PDB file of N, CA and C in Angstrom:
ATOM      1  N   UNK A   1       9.958 -43.922  23.097  1.00  0.00           N
ATOM      2  CA  UNK A   1      10.685 -42.687  22.899  1.00  0.00           C
ATOM      3  C   UNK A   1      10.256 -41.995  21.614  1.00  0.00           C
ATOM      4  N   UNK A   2      10.042 -42.795  20.534  1.00  0.00           N
ATOM      5  CA  UNK A   2       9.615 -42.212  19.269  1.00  0.00           C
ATOM      6  C   UNK A   2       8.232 -41.578  19.404  1.00  0.00           C
ATOM      7  N   UNK A   3       7.368 -42.229  20.161  1.00  0.00           N
ATOM      8  CA  UNK A   3       6.024 -41.703  20.358  1.00  0.00           C
ATOM      9  C   UNK A   3       6.063 -40.362  21.077  1.00  0.00           C
ATOM     10  N   UNK A   4       6.949 -40.242  22.036  1.00  0.00           N
ATOM     11  CA  UNK A   4       7.080 -38.989  22.794  1.00  0.00           C
ATOM     12  C   UNK A   4       7.573 -37.875  21.862  1.00  0.00           C
ATOM     13  N   UNK A   5       8.549 -38.177  21.009  1.00  0.00           N
ATOM     14  CA  UNK A   5       9.064 -37.175  20.075  1.00  0.00           C
ATOM     15  C   UNK A   5       7.982 -36.753  19.074  1.00  0.00           C
ATOM     16  N   UNK A   6       7.185 -37.730  18.615  1.00  0.00           N
ATOM     17  CA  UNK A   6       6.103 -37.415  17.683  1.00  0.00           C
ATOM     18  C   UNK A   6       5.070 -36.525  18.351  1.00  0.00           C
ATOM     19  N   UNK A   7       4.724 -36.836  19.594  1.00  0.00           N
ATOM     20  CA  UNK A   7       3.746 -36.031  20.333  1.00  0.00           C
ATOM     21  C   UNK A   7       4.286 -34.619  20.552  1.00  0.00           C
ATOM     22  N   UNK A   8       5.568 -34.504  20.923  1.00  0.00           N
ATOM     23  CA  UNK A   8       6.176 -33.183  21.121  1.00  0.00           C
ATOM     24  C   UNK A   8       6.188 -32.398  19.809  1.00  0.00           C
ATOM     25  N   UNK A   9       6.535 -33.060  18.719  1.00  0.00           N
ATOM     26  CA  UNK A   9       6.549 -32.392  17.410  1.00  0.00           C
ATOM     27  C   UNK A   9       5.147 -31.928  17.031  1.00  0.00           C
ATOM     28  N   UNK A  10       4.148 -32.752  17.294  1.00  0.00           N
ATOM     29  CA  UNK A  10       2.768 -32.372  16.987  1.00  0.00           C
ATOM     30  C   UNK A  10       2.308 -31.209  17.865  1.00  0.00           C
ATOM     31  N   UNK A  11       2.717 -31.212  19.130  1.00  0.00           N
ATOM     32  CA  UNK A  11       2.358 -30.095  20.016  1.00  0.00           C
ATOM     33  C   UNK A  11       3.007 -28.786  19.550  1.00  0.00           C
ATOM     34  N   UNK A  12       4.258 -28.857  19.135  1.00  0.00           N
ATOM     35  CA  UNK A  12       4.950 -27.662  18.640  1.00  0.00           C
ATOM     36  C   UNK A  12       4.276 -27.162  17.358  1.00  0.00           C
ATOM     37  N   UNK A  13       3.943 -28.086  16.440  1.00  0.00           N
ATOM     38  CA  UNK A  13       3.263 -27.705  15.205  1.00  0.00           C
ATOM     39  C   UNK A  13       1.901 -27.092  15.512  1.00  0.00           C
ATOM     40  N   UNK A  14       1.207 -27.653  16.487  1.00  0.00           N
ATOM     41  CA  UNK A  14      -0.098 -27.141  16.902  1.00  0.00           C
ATOM     42  C   UNK A  14       0.033 -25.720  17.448  1.00  0.00           C
ATOM     43  N   UNK A  15       1.075 -25.478  18.238  1.00  0.00           N
ATOM     44  CA  UNK A  15       1.300 -24.124  18.777  1.00  0.00           C
ATOM     45  C   UNK A  15       1.517 -23.123  17.651  1.00  0.00           C
ATOM     46  N   UNK A  16       2.321 -23.491  16.660  1.00  0.00           N
ATOM     47  CA  UNK A  16       2.555 -22.594  15.524  1.00  0.00           C
ATOM     48  C   UNK A  16       1.256 -22.322  14.762  1.00  0.00           C
ATOM     49  N   UNK A  17       0.436 -23.372  14.593  1.00  0.00           N
ATOM     50  CA  UNK A  17      -0.834 -23.197  13.890  1.00  0.00           C
ATOM     51  C   UNK A  17      -1.791 -22.299  14.676  1.00  0.00           C
ATOM     52  N   UNK A  18      -1.813 -22.431  15.984  1.00  0.00           N
ATOM     53  CA  UNK A  18      -2.657 -21.572  16.822  1.00  0.00           C
ATOM     54  C   UNK A  18      -2.205 -20.120  16.721  1.00  0.00           C
ATOM     55  N   UNK A  19      -0.903 -19.911  16.780  1.00  0.00           N
ATOM     56  CA  UNK A  19      -0.370 -18.544  16.651  1.00  0.00           C
ATOM     57  C   UNK A  19      -0.730 -17.964  15.284  1.00  0.00           C
ATOM     58  N   UNK A  20      -0.594 -18.762  14.250  1.00  0.00           N
ATOM     59  CA  UNK A  20      -0.938 -18.301  12.891  1.00  0.00           C
ATOM     60  C   UNK A  20      -2.420 -17.954  12.798  1.00  0.00           C
ATOM     61  N   UNK A  21      -3.271 -18.763  13.422  1.00  0.00           N
ATOM     62  CA  UNK A  21      -4.710 -18.497  13.426  1.00  0.00           C
ATOM     63  C   UNK A  21      -5.019 -17.184  14.138  1.00  0.00           C
ATOM     64  N   UNK A  22      -4.393 -16.944  15.269  1.00  0.00           N
ATOM     65  CA  UNK A  22      -4.599 -15.705  16.018  1.00  0.00           C
ATOM     66  C   UNK A  22      -4.151 -14.499  15.189  1.00  0.00           C
ATOM     67  N   UNK A  23      -3.008 -14.618  14.542  1.00  0.00           N
ATOM     68  CA  UNK A  23      -2.503 -13.517  13.713  1.00  0.00           C
ATOM     69  C   UNK A  23      -3.430 -13.254  12.528  1.00  0.00           C
ATOM     70  N   UNK A  24      -3.975 -14.301  11.936  1.00  0.00           N
ATOM     71  CA  UNK A  24      -4.890 -14.148  10.807  1.00  0.00           C
ATOM     72  C   UNK A  24      -6.176 -13.464  11.246  1.00  0.00           C
ATOM     73  N   UNK A  25      -6.712 -13.870  12.370  1.00  0.00           N
ATOM     74  CA  UNK A  25      -7.935 -13.243  12.885  1.00  0.00           C
ATOM     75  C   UNK A  25      -7.702 -11.771  13.206  1.00  0.00           C
ATOM     76  N   UNK A  26      -6.555 -11.465  13.784  1.00  0.00           N
ATOM     77  CA  UNK A  26      -6.212 -10.062  14.078  1.00  0.00           C
ATOM     78  C   UNK A  26      -6.117  -9.267  12.774  1.00  0.00           C
ATOM     79  N   UNK A  27      -5.476  -9.831  11.788  1.00  0.00           N
ATOM     80  CA  UNK A  27      -5.340  -9.166  10.491  1.00  0.00           C
ATOM     81  C   UNK A  27      -6.710  -8.909   9.865  1.00  0.00           C
ATOM     82  N   UNK A  28      -7.617  -9.858  10.007  1.00  0.00           N
ATOM     83  CA  UNK A  28      -8.972  -9.690   9.470  1.00  0.00           C
ATOM     84  C   UNK A  28      -9.676  -8.546  10.193  1.00  0.00           C
ATOM     85  N   UNK A  29      -9.539  -8.480  11.518  1.00  0.00           N
ATOM     86  CA  UNK A  29     -10.171  -7.397  12.280  1.00  0.00           C
ATOM     87  C   UNK A  29      -9.632  -6.033  11.869  1.00  0.00           C
ATOM     88  N   UNK A  30      -8.323  -5.941  11.735  1.00  0.00           N
ATOM     89  CA  UNK A  30      -7.703  -4.678  11.322  1.00  0.00           C
ATOM     90  C   UNK A  30      -8.196  -4.283   9.931  1.00  0.00           C
ATOM     91  N   UNK A  31      -8.269  -5.243   9.029  1.00  0.00           N
ATOM     92  CA  UNK A  31      -8.740  -4.974   7.667  1.00  0.00           C
ATOM     93  C   UNK A  31     -10.191  -4.521   7.668  1.00  0.00           C
ATOM     94  N   UNK A  32     -11.028  -5.132   8.499  1.00  0.00           N
ATOM     95  CA  UNK A  32     -12.434  -4.734   8.574  1.00  0.00           C
ATOM     96  C   UNK A  32     -12.576  -3.312   9.115  1.00  0.00           C
ATOM     97  N   UNK A  33     -11.765  -2.949  10.091  1.00  0.00           N
ATOM     98  CA  UNK A  33     -11.790  -1.581  10.624  1.00  0.00           C
ATOM     99  C   UNK A  33     -11.379  -0.592   9.529  1.00  0.00           C
ATOM    100  N   UNK A  34     -10.318  -0.901   8.804  1.00  0.00           N
ATOM    101  CA  UNK A  34      -9.874  -0.039   7.707  1.00  0.00           C
ATOM    102  C   UNK A  34     -10.952   0.067   6.637  1.00  0.00           C
ATOM    103  N   UNK A  35     -11.621  -1.030   6.347  1.00  0.00           N
ATOM    104  CA  UNK A  35     -12.699  -1.022   5.360  1.00  0.00           C
ATOM    105  C   UNK A  35     -13.838  -0.104   5.808  1.00  0.00           C
ATOM    106  N   UNK A  36     -14.152  -0.125   7.095  1.00  0.00           N
ATOM    107  CA  UNK A  36     -15.184   0.776   7.631  1.00  0.00           C
ATOM    108  C   UNK A  36     -14.793   2.234   7.452  1.00  0.00           C
ATOM    109  N   UNK A  37     -13.539   2.567   7.763  1.00  0.00           N
ATOM    110  CA  UNK A  37     -13.068   3.939   7.572  1.00  0.00           C
ATOM    111  C   UNK A  37     -13.132   4.335   6.096  1.00  0.00           C
ATOM    112  N   UNK A  38     -12.725   3.435   5.215  1.00  0.00           N
ATOM    113  CA  UNK A  38     -12.742   3.737   3.780  1.00  0.00           C
ATOM    114  C   UNK A  38     -14.166   3.898   3.259  1.00  0.00           C
ATOM    115  N   UNK A  39     -15.102   3.103   3.763  1.00  0.00           N
ATOM    116  CA  UNK A  39     -16.502   3.252   3.352  1.00  0.00           C
ATOM    117  C   UNK A  39     -17.053   4.605   3.776  1.00  0.00           C
ATOM    118  N   UNK A  40     -16.729   5.036   5.000  1.00  0.00           N
ATOM    119  CA  UNK A  40     -17.178   6.350   5.462  1.00  0.00           C
ATOM    120  C   UNK A  40     -16.560   7.461   4.617  1.00  0.00           C
ATOM    121  N   UNK A  41     -15.276   7.326   4.301  1.00  0.00           N
ATOM    122  CA  UNK A  41     -14.614   8.325   3.465  1.00  0.00           C
ATOM    123  C   UNK A  41     -15.239   8.353   2.078  1.00  0.00           C
ATOM    124  N   UNK A  42     -15.555   7.182   1.519  1.00  0.00           N
ATOM    125  CA  UNK A  42     -16.196   7.104   0.211  1.00  0.00           C
ATOM    126  C   UNK A  42     -17.545   7.807   0.222  1.00  0.00           C
ATOM    127  N   UNK A  43     -18.320   7.599   1.285  1.00  0.00           N
ATOM    128  CA  UNK A  43     -19.627   8.252   1.395  1.00  0.00           C
ATOM    129  C   UNK A  43     -19.473   9.766   1.459  1.00  0.00           C
ATOM    130  N   UNK A  44     -18.487  10.247   2.245  1.00  0.00           N
ATOM    131  CA  UNK A  44     -18.240  11.697   2.332  1.00  0.00           C
ATOM    132  C   UNK A  44     -17.828  12.262   0.980  1.00  0.00           C
ATOM    133  N   UNK A  45     -16.942  11.559   0.291  1.00  0.00           N
ATOM    134  CA  UNK A  45     -16.481  12.032  -1.011  1.00  0.00           C
ATOM    135  C   UNK A  45     -17.603  12.003  -2.053  1.00  0.00           C
ATOM    136  N   UNK A  46     -18.468  11.015  -1.974  1.00  0.00           N
ATOM    137  CA  UNK A  46     -19.599  10.942  -2.885  1.00  0.00           C
ATOM    138  C   UNK A  46     -20.541  12.122  -2.661  1.00  0.00           C
ATOM    139  N   UNK A  47     -20.803  12.448  -1.396  1.00  0.00           N
ATOM    140  CA  UNK A  47     -21.660  13.588  -1.092  1.00  0.00           C
ATOM    141  C   UNK A  47     -21.017  14.892  -1.559  1.00  0.00           C
ATOM    142  N   UNK A  48     -19.713  15.029  -1.348  1.00  0.00           N
ATOM    143  CA  UNK A  48     -19.011  16.220  -1.798  1.00  0.00           C
ATOM    144  C   UNK A  48     -19.069  16.326  -3.312  1.00  0.00           C
ATOM    145  N   UNK A  49     -18.878  15.212  -4.001  1.00  0.00           N
ATOM    146  CA  UNK A  49     -18.934  15.205  -5.466  1.00  0.00           C
ATOM    147  C   UNK A  49     -20.312  15.627  -5.959  1.00  0.00           C
ATOM    148  N   UNK A  50     -21.348  15.089  -5.357  1.00  0.00           N
ATOM    149  CA  UNK A  50     -22.701  15.457  -5.757  1.00  0.00           C
ATOM    150  C   UNK A  50     -22.950  16.937  -5.532  1.00  0.00           C
ATOM    151  N   UNK A  51     -22.471  17.453  -4.409  1.00  0.00           N
ATOM    152  CA  UNK A  51     -22.622  18.877  -4.122  1.00  0.00           C
ATOM    153  C   UNK A  51     -21.884  19.723  -5.150  1.00  0.00           C
ATOM    154  N   UNK A  52     -20.670  19.309  -5.505  1.00  0.00           N
ATOM    155  CA  UNK A  52     -19.893  20.064  -6.489  1.00  0.00           C
ATOM    156  C   UNK A  52     -20.519  19.998  -7.881  1.00  0.00           C
ATOM    157  N   UNK A  53     -21.087  18.853  -8.236  1.00  0.00           N
ATOM    158  CA  UNK A  53     -21.770  18.742  -9.527  1.00  0.00           C
ATOM    159  C   UNK A  53     -22.974  19.673  -9.582  1.00  0.00           C
ATOM    160  N   UNK A  54     -23.710  19.757  -8.475  1.00  0.00           N
ATOM    161  CA  UNK A  54     -24.857  20.657  -8.407  1.00  0.00           C
ATOM    162  C   UNK A  54     -24.407  22.110  -8.519  1.00  0.00           C
ATOM    163  N   UNK A  55     -23.335  22.454  -7.814  1.00  0.00           N
ATOM    164  CA  UNK A  55     -22.804  23.815  -7.874  1.00  0.00           C
ATOM    165  C   UNK A  55     -22.315  24.143  -9.288  1.00  0.00           C
ATOM    166  N   UNK A  56     -21.667  23.196  -9.934  1.00  0.00           N
ATOM    167  CA  UNK A  56     -21.192  23.402 -11.304  1.00  0.00           C
ATOM    168  C   UNK A  56     -22.362  23.658 -12.243  1.00  0.00           C
ATOM    169  N   UNK A  57     -23.421  22.873 -12.097  1.00  0.00           N
ATOM    170  CA  UNK A  57     -24.594  23.055 -12.949  1.00  0.00           C
ATOM    171  C   UNK A  57     -25.197  24.442 -12.741  1.00  0.00           C
ATOM    172  N   UNK A  58     -25.236  24.876 -11.474  1.00  0.00           N
ATOM    173  CA  UNK A  58     -25.785  26.198 -11.171  1.00  0.00           C
ATOM    174  C   UNK A  58     -24.902  27.304 -11.747  1.00  0.00           C
ATOM    175  N   UNK A  59     -23.602  27.194 -11.544  1.00  0.00           N
ATOM    176  CA  UNK A  59     -22.685  28.248 -11.982  1.00  0.00           C
ATOM    177  C   UNK A  59     -22.562  28.330 -13.496  1.00  0.00           C
ATOM    178  N   UNK A  60     -22.773  27.240 -14.187  1.00  0.00           N
ATOM    179  CA  UNK A  60     -22.597  27.255 -15.640  1.00  0.00           C
ATOM    180  C   UNK A  60     -23.913  27.393 -16.402  1.00  0.00           C
ATOM    181  N   UNK A  61     -24.991  27.761 -15.712  1.00  0.00           N
ATOM    182  CA  UNK A  61     -26.258  27.912 -16.415  1.00  0.00           C
ATOM    183  C   UNK A  61     -26.178  29.130 -17.336  1.00  0.00           C
ATOM    184  N   UNK A  62     -26.690  29.020 -18.546  1.00  0.00           N
ATOM    185  CA  UNK A  62     -26.626  30.132 -19.499  1.00  0.00           C
ATOM    186  C   UNK A  62     -27.285  31.405 -18.973  1.00  0.00           C
ATOM    187  N   UNK A  63     -28.371  31.256 -18.237  1.00  0.00           N
ATOM    188  CA  UNK A  63     -29.062  32.424 -17.683  1.00  0.00           C
ATOM    189  C   UNK A  63     -28.139  33.182 -16.725  1.00  0.00           C
ATOM    190  N   UNK A  64     -27.463  32.460 -15.852  1.00  0.00           N
ATOM    191  CA  UNK A  64     -26.558  33.094 -14.886  1.00  0.00           C
ATOM    192  C   UNK A  64     -25.375  33.751 -15.598  1.00  0.00           C
ATOM    193  N   UNK A  65     -24.845  33.088 -16.594  1.00  0.00           N
ATOM    194  CA  UNK A  65     -23.721  33.650 -17.347  1.00  0.00           C
ATOM    195  C   UNK A  65     -24.147  34.935 -18.051  1.00  0.00           C
ATOM    196  N   UNK A  66     -25.366  34.960 -18.595  1.00  0.00           N
ATOM    197  CA  UNK A  66     -25.885  36.145 -19.256  1.00  0.00           C
ATOM    198  C   UNK A  66     -26.014  37.310 -18.268  1.00  0.00           C
ATOM    199  N   UNK A  67     -26.517  37.037 -17.084  1.00  0.00           N
ATOM    200  CA  UNK A  67     -26.664  38.085 -16.067  1.00  0.00           C
ATOM    201  C   UNK A  67     -25.297  38.643 -15.672  1.00  0.00           C
ATOM    202  N   UNK A  68     -24.327  37.783 -15.436  1.00  0.00           N
ATOM    203  CA  UNK A  68     -22.980  38.240 -15.060  1.00  0.00           C
ATOM    204  C   UNK A  68     -22.364  39.063 -16.187  1.00  0.00           C
ATOM    205  N   UNK A  69     -22.550  38.614 -17.422  1.00  0.00           N
ATOM    206  CA  UNK A  69     -21.986  39.331 -18.565  1.00  0.00           C
ATOM    207  C   UNK A  69     -22.576  40.735 -18.661  1.00  0.00           C
ATOM    208  N   UNK A  70     -23.874  40.863 -18.461  1.00  0.00           N
ATOM    209  CA  UNK A  70     -24.511  42.182 -18.565  1.00  0.00           C
ATOM    210  C   UNK A  70     -24.237  43.057 -17.352  1.00  0.00           C
ATOM    211  N   UNK A  71     -24.464  42.508 -16.140  1.00  0.00           N
ATOM    212  CA  UNK A  71     -24.417  43.332 -14.931  1.00  0.00           C
ATOM    213  C   UNK A  71     -23.001  43.608 -14.434  1.00  0.00           C
ATOM    214  N   UNK A  72     -22.155  42.613 -14.421  1.00  0.00           N
ATOM    215  CA  UNK A  72     -20.826  42.787 -13.837  1.00  0.00           C
ATOM    216  C   UNK A  72     -19.775  43.177 -14.867  1.00  0.00           C
ATOM    217  N   UNK A  73     -19.918  42.710 -16.090  1.00  0.00           N
ATOM    218  CA  UNK A  73     -18.900  42.975 -17.106  1.00  0.00           C
ATOM    219  C   UNK A  73     -19.320  44.045 -18.110  1.00  0.00           C
ATOM    220  N   UNK A  74     -20.574  44.517 -18.022  1.00  0.00           N
ATOM    221  CA  UNK A  74     -21.045  45.568 -18.912  1.00  0.00           C
ATOM    222  C   UNK A  74     -21.179  45.126 -20.357  1.00  0.00           C
ATOM    223  N   UNK A  75     -21.343  43.873 -20.591  1.00  0.00           N
ATOM    224  CA  UNK A  75     -21.476  43.368 -21.959  1.00  0.00           C
ATOM    225  C   UNK A  75     -22.940  43.430 -22.383  1.00  0.00           C
ATOM    226  N   UNK A  76     -23.157  43.437 -23.670  1.00  0.00           N
ATOM    227  CA  UNK A  76     -24.524  43.411 -24.169  1.00  0.00           C
ATOM    228  C   UNK A  76     -24.566  42.501 -25.386  1.00  0.00           C
ATOM    229  N   UNK A  77     -25.792  42.131 -25.746  1.00  0.00           N
ATOM    230  CA  UNK A  77     -25.946  41.285 -26.928  1.00  0.00           C
ATOM    231  C   UNK A  77     -25.704  42.144 -28.159  1.00  0.00           C
ATOM    232  N   UNK A  78     -25.085  41.594 -29.166  1.00  0.00           N
ATOM    233  CA  UNK A  78     -24.820  42.379 -30.372  1.00  0.00           C
ATOM    234  C   UNK A  78     -26.124  42.751 -31.090  1.00  0.00           C
ATOM    235  N   UNK A  79     -26.096  43.901 -31.785  1.00  0.00           N
ATOM    236  CA  UNK A  79     -27.265  44.325 -32.555  1.00  0.00           C
ATOM    237  C   UNK A  79     -27.496  43.383 -33.714  1.00  0.00           C
ATOM    238  N   UNK A  80     -28.725  43.311 -34.172  1.00  0.00           N
ATOM    239  CA  UNK A  80     -29.036  42.416 -35.291  1.00  0.00           C
ATOM    240  C   UNK A  80     -28.381  42.915 -36.581  1.00  0.00           C
ATOM    241  N   UNK A  81     -28.131  44.235 -36.701  1.00  0.00           N
ATOM    242  CA  UNK A  81     -27.510  44.766 -37.899  1.00  0.00           C
ATOM    243  C   UNK A  81     -26.072  44.268 -38.027  1.00  0.00           C
ATOM    244  N   UNK A  82     -25.397  44.180 -36.934  1.00  0.00           N
ATOM    245  CA  UNK A  82     -24.008  43.718 -36.960  1.00  0.00           C
ATOM    246  C   UNK A  82     -23.974  42.237 -37.312  1.00  0.00           C
ATOM    247  N   UNK A  83     -24.946  41.488 -36.872  1.00  0.00           N
ATOM    248  CA  UNK A  83     -24.960  40.046 -37.150  1.00  0.00           C
ATOM    249  C   UNK A  83     -25.186  39.743 -38.628  1.00  0.00           C
ATOM    250  N   UNK A  84     -25.828  40.658 -39.355  1.00  0.00           N
ATOM    251  CA  UNK A  84     -26.150  40.404 -40.749  1.00  0.00           C
ATOM    252  C   UNK A  84     -24.910  40.388 -41.622  1.00  0.00           C
ATOM    253  N   UNK A  85     -23.839  40.973 -41.240  1.00  0.00           N
ATOM    254  CA  UNK A  85     -22.622  41.034 -42.036  1.00  0.00           C
ATOM    255  C   UNK A  85     -22.104  39.691 -42.245  1.00  0.00           C
TER     256      UNK A  85
END
């Protein structure tokens, strides 16, 4: 009788361990899928960042700022006589 109870207890423990293993494997799969989505998002954000850095460099170039100041804002460089003061 004791042997039967031990075998039943071991079978029940085995069932719980199998269920835990299945749940762990499922959790790993879900995590790997999420990791794939996050890697793709990271790549998109990295490309966007690089594009924005390039645009910033272009927009803040001194030559471009000088052209906008002269053509769109009507500004001019100060005369050398005024600078001597």
